[in-house]
Amino acid sequence: MRLAPLARSLALLGGLAALAPCHAAAAADAWPSRAITFIVPSSPGGGTDIYARLLAEGVSKEIKQTVVVENKPGASGNIGAAAAARAAGDGYTFLVSATPAIAVNPYLYKNLPYDADKDLVPVARGVDAPLVYVVPPNSRYKSLDDILAAGKRDPNKLSFGSAGHGSPTYLGVKVMEEKTGAAFIHVPYKGMAPTIQDFIGGRLDFLQSDVASVLPQIKAGKAIPLAISAKSPLFPKVPVWTDKGLPDVPQSFSVMAPAGTPGAVIEKMSQIVVKAMEEPSVKQRLIEQGYIPVSDTPAKFSQQLKAERAMWKSLIERNNITVE
């Protein structure tokens, strides 16, 4: 008879455990019941912002709720990523980020205000974003080979801008320097929008940018594309530098959730992201911006992220790159 209370307690715990998946499913079914916020850790007008707003439009149509895009630029994405990491894991705040904040900065900065691995959970790798080398229309450099040759012949003479030390727009050039022996002057900015402003103003010799950020300038004839990292229907005649054995720089725009967000909500949001990007009008505009839509599950995205983190960690350690 003494075991009866214990037996009843165990039975109650067992019953609660059995109900837990039901509660999680019910929570996912009820979600979302109000507006969702996408935190973008970069300036308005840059590639991440362009993608986030296209995605917000598609997701809003799918969930029949408002999706607010909130820009929090600075520190190569750290400020926005930290804000997302501190947000409640209730399924109403997500981080829409380029590669640096989630795969590069953990190895670049000594004291991050967030733990990218523990505080943020992979939801979906939304699009791959090829990078393109551009020069001003009056530049004497007519190919990427010309720029690399100049960088070897006269080291640290040509200048280029980037979205910050942790951005692929900087590290991609660093990879190229490591591979070829060229050397350039790096001018960091807080996002691609101000970088492009100085480029158009004639204060930079070249850029390695994601296509979306610099596409308006290319269309206007203010930036001339010399080489691209992956074949693009936008630039069928522009050489692909990876075809020549030069290194690729993986760049993607992804969706992350604060830790503690219910797994069922993460799965549902991942499916919504994929479905939103497959909507014909959204997909066409993504392609027109130079993006390559990706249909990732959270598990597949997590594996991809792990591989990218290992690659960036190795590059940063080999070159002793640090940011205070």
Protein backbone atom coordinates (compact mmCIF):
# COMPACT_ATOMS: atom_id res chain seq x y z
CA MET A 1 0.00 0.00 0.00
CA ARG A 2 2.96 2.34 0.60
CA LEU A 3 3.77 2.15 -3.12
CA ALA A 4 0.34 3.44 -4.16
CA PRO A 5 1.16 7.19 -3.90
CA LEU A 6 4.41 6.63 -5.83
CA ALA A 7 2.60 4.62 -8.46
CA ARG A 8 -0.01 7.35 -8.83
CA SER A 9 2.75 9.99 -9.19
CA LEU A 10 4.55 7.97 -11.84
CA ALA A 11 1.31 7.42 -13.69
CA LEU A 12 0.61 11.17 -13.58
CA LEU A 13 4.09 12.00 -14.87
CA GLY A 14 3.69 9.45 -17.63
CA GLY A 15 0.40 10.98 -18.60
CA LEU A 16 1.89 14.46 -18.71
CA ALA A 17 4.78 13.23 -20.85
CA ALA A 18 2.35 11.65 -23.25
CA LEU A 19 0.45 14.90 -23.49
CA ALA A 20 3.59 17.01 -24.16
CA PRO A 21 3.73 16.30 -27.92
CA CYS A 22 0.05 17.10 -28.15
CA HIS A 23 0.58 20.45 -26.45
CA ALA A 24 3.53 21.20 -28.80
CA ALA A 25 1.42 20.34 -31.83
CA ALA A 26 -1.43 22.46 -30.51
CA ALA A 27 0.94 25.39 -29.97
CA ALA A 28 2.18 25.07 -33.57
CA ASP A 29 -1.39 24.87 -34.85
CA ALA A 30 -2.30 28.08 -32.99
CA TRP A 31 0.86 29.86 -34.17
CA PRO A 32 1.00 32.56 -35.36
CA SER A 33 -1.79 34.55 -33.81
CA ARG A 34 -0.16 37.97 -34.17
CA ALA A 35 2.55 39.88 -36.06
CA ILE A 36 6.03 38.39 -36.49
CA THR A 37 9.28 40.37 -36.46
CA PHE A 38 12.27 39.68 -38.72
CA ILE A 39 15.42 41.22 -37.21
CA VAL A 40 17.92 42.09 -39.96
CA PRO A 41 21.45 42.75 -38.63
CA SER A 42 22.39 45.13 -41.46
CA SER A 43 21.45 48.45 -43.01
CA PRO A 44 18.39 49.02 -45.22
CA GLY A 45 19.13 48.56 -48.89
CA GLY A 46 21.77 45.84 -48.56
CA GLY A 47 21.44 42.27 -49.80
CA THR A 48 20.20 40.86 -46.51
CA ASP A 49 17.60 43.59 -46.20
CA ILE A 50 16.40 43.07 -49.78
CA TYR A 51 16.00 39.35 -49.18
CA ALA A 52 14.32 39.83 -45.79
CA ARG A 53 11.69 42.14 -47.26
CA LEU A 54 10.92 39.80 -50.14
CA LEU A 55 10.71 36.91 -47.68
CA ALA A 56 8.52 38.94 -45.30
CA GLU A 57 6.09 39.60 -48.11
CA GLY A 58 5.87 35.91 -49.00
CA VAL A 59 5.62 34.73 -45.38
CA SER A 60 2.95 37.32 -44.60
CA LYS A 61 0.78 35.97 -47.40
CA GLU A 62 1.25 32.41 -46.13
CA ILE A 63 0.47 33.05 -42.46
CA LYS A 64 -2.09 35.85 -42.97
CA GLN A 65 -0.25 37.99 -40.42
CA THR A 66 1.93 41.08 -40.63
CA VAL A 67 5.69 40.49 -40.81
CA VAL A 68 7.72 43.48 -39.59
CA VAL A 69 11.31 43.92 -40.80
CA GLU A 70 13.45 45.60 -38.14
CA ASN A 71 16.98 46.69 -39.13
CA LYS A 72 19.63 46.58 -36.41
CA PRO A 73 22.96 47.15 -38.20
CA GLY A 74 26.46 47.35 -36.77
CA ALA A 75 29.48 45.28 -35.73
CA SER A 76 29.24 42.97 -38.76
CA GLY A 77 25.82 41.74 -37.70
CA ASN A 78 26.57 41.25 -34.01
CA ILE A 79 24.14 43.90 -32.76
CA GLY A 80 21.16 42.46 -34.61
CA ALA A 81 22.10 38.86 -33.88
CA ALA A 82 22.41 39.65 -30.17
CA ALA A 83 18.99 41.30 -30.18
CA ALA A 84 17.48 38.19 -31.78
CA ALA A 85 19.31 35.91 -29.34
CA ARG A 86 17.84 37.87 -26.40
CA ALA A 87 14.31 37.75 -27.79
CA ALA A 88 11.72 35.43 -26.31
CA GLY A 89 11.63 32.00 -27.91
CA ASP A 90 7.93 32.25 -28.58
CA GLY A 91 7.95 32.03 -32.36
CA TYR A 92 7.33 35.74 -32.95
CA THR A 93 10.90 36.92 -33.50
CA PHE A 94 13.35 35.54 -36.07
CA LEU A 95 16.78 36.56 -37.30
CA VAL A 96 17.18 36.93 -41.07
CA SER A 97 20.92 37.05 -41.49
CA ALA A 98 23.78 36.77 -43.93
CA THR A 99 26.57 34.31 -43.20
CA PRO A 100 28.79 36.39 -40.84
CA ALA A 101 26.61 36.67 -37.72
CA ILE A 102 25.91 32.95 -37.58
CA ALA A 103 29.02 31.30 -39.08
CA VAL A 104 31.97 33.72 -39.08
CA ASN A 105 31.84 36.08 -36.11
CA PRO A 106 32.12 33.36 -33.44
CA TYR A 107 35.75 32.88 -34.58
CA LEU A 108 36.46 36.51 -35.40
CA TYR A 109 35.41 38.31 -32.23
CA LYS A 110 36.80 37.54 -28.79
CA ASN A 111 33.75 38.67 -26.81
CA LEU A 112 30.48 38.21 -28.66
CA PRO A 113 27.30 39.31 -26.86
CA TYR A 114 25.66 36.03 -27.94
CA ASP A 115 26.55 32.40 -28.57
CA ALA A 116 25.67 31.66 -32.20
CA ASP A 117 25.57 27.92 -31.55
CA LYS A 118 23.55 27.93 -28.33
CA ASP A 119 21.42 31.08 -28.51
CA LEU A 120 20.18 30.72 -32.09
CA VAL A 121 18.52 27.74 -33.74
CA PRO A 122 18.64 27.00 -37.52
CA VAL A 123 15.27 27.35 -39.27
CA ALA A 124 15.99 27.57 -43.00
CA ARG A 125 18.83 28.48 -45.33
CA GLY A 126 16.74 30.63 -47.61
CA VAL A 127 18.90 31.57 -50.58
CA ASP A 128 22.45 31.31 -51.80
CA ALA A 129 23.83 34.67 -52.87
CA PRO A 130 26.64 34.64 -55.45
CA LEU A 131 29.31 37.30 -55.12
CA VAL A 132 30.47 39.55 -57.96
CA TYR A 133 33.58 41.69 -58.50
CA VAL A 134 32.75 45.15 -59.84
CA VAL A 135 34.78 48.21 -60.83
CA PRO A 136 33.76 51.80 -61.72
CA PRO A 137 32.92 52.39 -65.38
CA ASN A 138 36.12 54.41 -65.91
CA SER A 139 38.38 51.76 -64.37
CA ARG A 140 41.42 50.62 -66.32
CA TYR A 141 40.92 47.11 -64.94
CA LYS A 142 38.92 45.03 -67.40
CA SER A 143 39.03 41.61 -65.71
CA LEU A 144 39.54 39.99 -62.32
CA ASP A 145 42.94 38.84 -63.59
CA ASP A 146 43.86 42.52 -64.10
CA ILE A 147 42.96 43.33 -60.49
CA LEU A 148 44.84 40.35 -59.08
CA ALA A 149 47.90 41.14 -61.22
CA ALA A 150 47.87 44.73 -59.96
CA GLY A 151 47.55 43.49 -56.40
CA LYS A 152 50.65 41.37 -56.83
CA ARG A 153 52.64 43.97 -58.80
CA ASP A 154 51.80 46.88 -56.45
CA PRO A 155 50.68 45.41 -53.08
CA ASN A 156 48.33 47.48 -50.91
CA LYS A 157 47.69 50.10 -53.55
CA LEU A 158 44.17 49.27 -54.78
CA SER A 159 41.36 49.78 -52.27
CA PHE A 160 38.14 47.88 -51.81
CA GLY A 161 35.23 48.32 -49.42
CA SER A 162 33.22 45.75 -47.52
CA ALA A 163 30.31 45.38 -45.13
CA GLY A 164 32.79 44.82 -42.28
CA HIS A 165 35.65 42.61 -41.17
CA GLY A 166 33.36 39.63 -40.62
CA SER A 167 31.56 39.89 -43.95
CA PRO A 168 32.08 37.60 -46.94
CA THR A 169 32.64 40.81 -48.92
CA TYR A 170 35.88 41.19 -46.95
CA LEU A 171 36.82 37.60 -46.21
CA GLY A 172 36.19 36.64 -49.84
CA VAL A 173 38.91 39.07 -50.92
CA LYS A 174 41.11 37.74 -48.12
CA VAL A 175 40.68 34.22 -49.50
CA MET A 176 41.68 35.53 -52.93
CA GLU A 177 44.75 37.27 -51.50
CA GLU A 178 45.77 34.05 -49.75
CA LYS A 179 45.34 32.04 -52.96
CA THR A 180 47.09 34.42 -55.39
CA GLY A 181 49.58 36.44 -53.34
CA ALA A 182 47.86 39.75 -54.14
CA ALA A 183 47.32 42.39 -51.45
CA PHE A 184 44.77 45.21 -51.25
CA ILE A 185 43.72 48.02 -48.89
CA HIS A 186 40.56 47.13 -46.98
CA VAL A 187 38.04 49.85 -46.08
CA PRO A 188 35.29 48.47 -43.78
CA TYR A 189 31.79 49.93 -43.52
CA LYS A 190 28.63 49.18 -41.52
CA GLY A 191 26.82 47.37 -44.31
CA MET A 192 26.91 47.33 -48.09
CA ALA A 193 24.72 50.40 -48.61
CA PRO A 194 27.33 52.91 -47.33
CA THR A 195 30.08 50.88 -49.01
CA ILE A 196 28.39 51.26 -52.39
CA GLN A 197 27.86 54.97 -51.80
CA ASP A 198 31.61 55.49 -51.47
CA PHE A 199 32.24 53.19 -54.43
CA ILE A 200 29.93 55.27 -56.62
CA GLY A 201 31.63 58.39 -55.24
CA GLY A 202 34.95 57.19 -56.65
CA ARG A 203 36.63 56.50 -53.32
CA LEU A 204 37.14 52.75 -53.89
CA ASP A 205 38.84 50.84 -56.72
CA PHE A 206 36.68 47.72 -56.63
CA LEU A 207 34.16 45.73 -54.63
CA GLN A 208 33.40 42.08 -54.09
CA SER A 209 29.68 42.29 -53.36
CA ASP A 210 26.64 40.08 -53.25
CA VAL A 211 24.77 40.57 -56.51
CA ALA A 212 21.60 42.02 -54.97
CA SER A 213 23.40 44.86 -53.19
CA VAL A 214 25.13 46.18 -56.29
CA LEU A 215 22.61 45.18 -58.97
CA PRO A 216 20.98 48.65 -59.29
CA GLN A 217 24.41 50.18 -59.92
CA ILE A 218 25.23 47.51 -62.51
CA LYS A 219 21.94 48.15 -64.30
CA ALA A 220 22.62 51.90 -64.24
CA GLY A 221 26.09 51.44 -65.68
CA LYS A 222 27.74 52.77 -62.51
CA ALA A 223 29.40 49.42 -61.70
CA ILE A 224 30.91 47.01 -64.23
CA PRO A 225 30.85 43.28 -63.33
CA LEU A 226 34.15 41.51 -64.02
CA ALA A 227 33.63 38.06 -62.49
CA ILE A 228 31.03 36.16 -60.48
CA SER A 229 31.27 33.21 -58.07
CA ALA A 230 28.48 31.14 -59.67
CA LYS A 231 26.68 31.08 -63.01
CA SER A 232 23.89 33.63 -63.10
CA PRO A 233 21.15 34.18 -65.68
CA LEU A 234 21.55 37.89 -64.97
CA PHE A 235 25.12 37.91 -66.30
CA PRO A 236 25.48 35.09 -68.83
CA LYS A 237 28.66 36.58 -70.31
CA VAL A 238 30.42 37.41 -67.03
CA PRO A 239 33.19 34.84 -66.27
CA VAL A 240 32.74 32.52 -63.27
CA TRP A 241 35.94 32.77 -61.26
CA THR A 242 35.51 29.38 -59.58
CA ASP A 243 35.75 27.82 -63.06
CA LYS A 244 39.35 29.04 -63.12
CA GLY A 245 40.20 27.31 -59.86
CA LEU A 246 39.91 30.44 -57.75
CA PRO A 247 38.25 29.91 -54.33
CA ASP A 248 34.52 30.08 -53.73
CA VAL A 249 33.09 32.05 -50.83
CA PRO A 250 29.79 30.61 -49.60
CA GLN A 251 27.32 33.36 -48.95
CA SER A 252 23.70 32.75 -48.01
CA PHE A 253 20.83 34.50 -46.30
CA SER A 254 19.19 32.40 -43.63
CA VAL A 255 16.49 32.35 -40.97
CA MET A 256 17.33 31.60 -37.34
CA ALA A 257 15.18 31.50 -34.21
CA PRO A 258 15.98 32.33 -30.58
CA ALA A 259 16.81 29.30 -28.47
CA GLY A 260 13.74 27.93 -26.74
CA THR A 261 11.47 28.36 -29.74
CA PRO A 262 9.27 25.23 -29.88
CA GLY A 263 10.53 22.63 -32.33
CA ALA A 264 7.12 22.32 -33.90
CA VAL A 265 7.09 26.06 -34.63
CA ILE A 266 10.60 25.88 -36.13
CA GLU A 267 9.54 23.05 -38.43
CA LYS A 268 6.40 24.91 -39.44
CA MET A 269 8.30 28.16 -40.06
CA SER A 270 10.87 26.32 -42.17
CA GLN A 271 8.10 24.91 -44.35
CA ILE A 272 6.51 28.36 -44.62
CA VAL A 273 9.82 29.93 -45.71
CA VAL A 274 10.28 27.32 -48.45
CA LYS A 275 6.67 27.67 -49.59
CA ALA A 276 6.90 31.47 -49.59
CA MET A 277 9.99 31.43 -51.78
CA GLU A 278 8.32 29.02 -54.19
CA GLU A 279 5.42 31.40 -54.74
CA PRO A 280 5.91 32.33 -58.43
CA SER A 281 6.02 36.12 -58.09
CA VAL A 282 8.36 36.02 -55.06
CA LYS A 283 10.60 33.38 -56.63
CA GLN A 284 10.90 35.37 -59.84
CA ARG A 285 11.88 38.51 -57.95
CA LEU A 286 14.44 36.56 -55.91
CA ILE A 287 16.03 35.29 -59.12
CA GLU A 288 15.90 38.79 -60.62
CA GLN A 289 17.90 40.01 -57.61
CA GLY A 290 20.56 37.37 -58.22
CA TYR A 291 19.53 34.95 -55.47
CA ILE A 292 19.35 31.18 -55.79
CA PRO A 293 16.42 29.83 -53.69
CA VAL A 294 17.26 26.85 -51.47
CA SER A 295 14.76 24.35 -50.04
CA ASP A 296 16.41 23.30 -46.78
CA THR A 297 14.98 21.51 -43.78
CA PRO A 298 16.23 22.65 -40.35
CA ALA A 299 18.33 19.46 -40.13
CA LYS A 300 19.94 19.96 -43.55
CA PHE A 301 20.58 23.63 -42.84
CA SER A 302 22.18 22.71 -39.52
CA GLN A 303 24.63 20.36 -41.29
CA GLN A 304 25.47 23.00 -43.87
CA LEU A 305 26.04 25.58 -41.15
CA LYS A 306 28.39 23.23 -39.29
CA ALA A 307 30.50 22.75 -42.43
CA GLU A 308 30.64 26.49 -43.15
CA ARG A 309 31.66 27.27 -39.58
CA ALA A 310 34.55 24.82 -39.84
CA MET A 311 35.70 26.43 -43.11
CA TRP A 312 35.57 29.98 -41.75
CA LYS A 313 37.26 28.97 -38.49
CA SER A 314 40.17 27.49 -40.44
CA LEU A 315 40.54 30.58 -42.67
CA ILE A 316 40.45 33.00 -39.74
CA GLU A 317 42.96 31.01 -37.70
CA ARG A 318 45.34 30.57 -40.66
CA ASN A 319 45.41 34.29 -41.28
CA ASN A 320 45.31 35.40 -37.63
CA ILE A 321 42.30 37.63 -38.33
CA THR A 322 40.80 39.26 -35.26
CA VAL A 323 38.39 42.08 -34.55
CA GLU A 324 38.33 43.85 -31.21
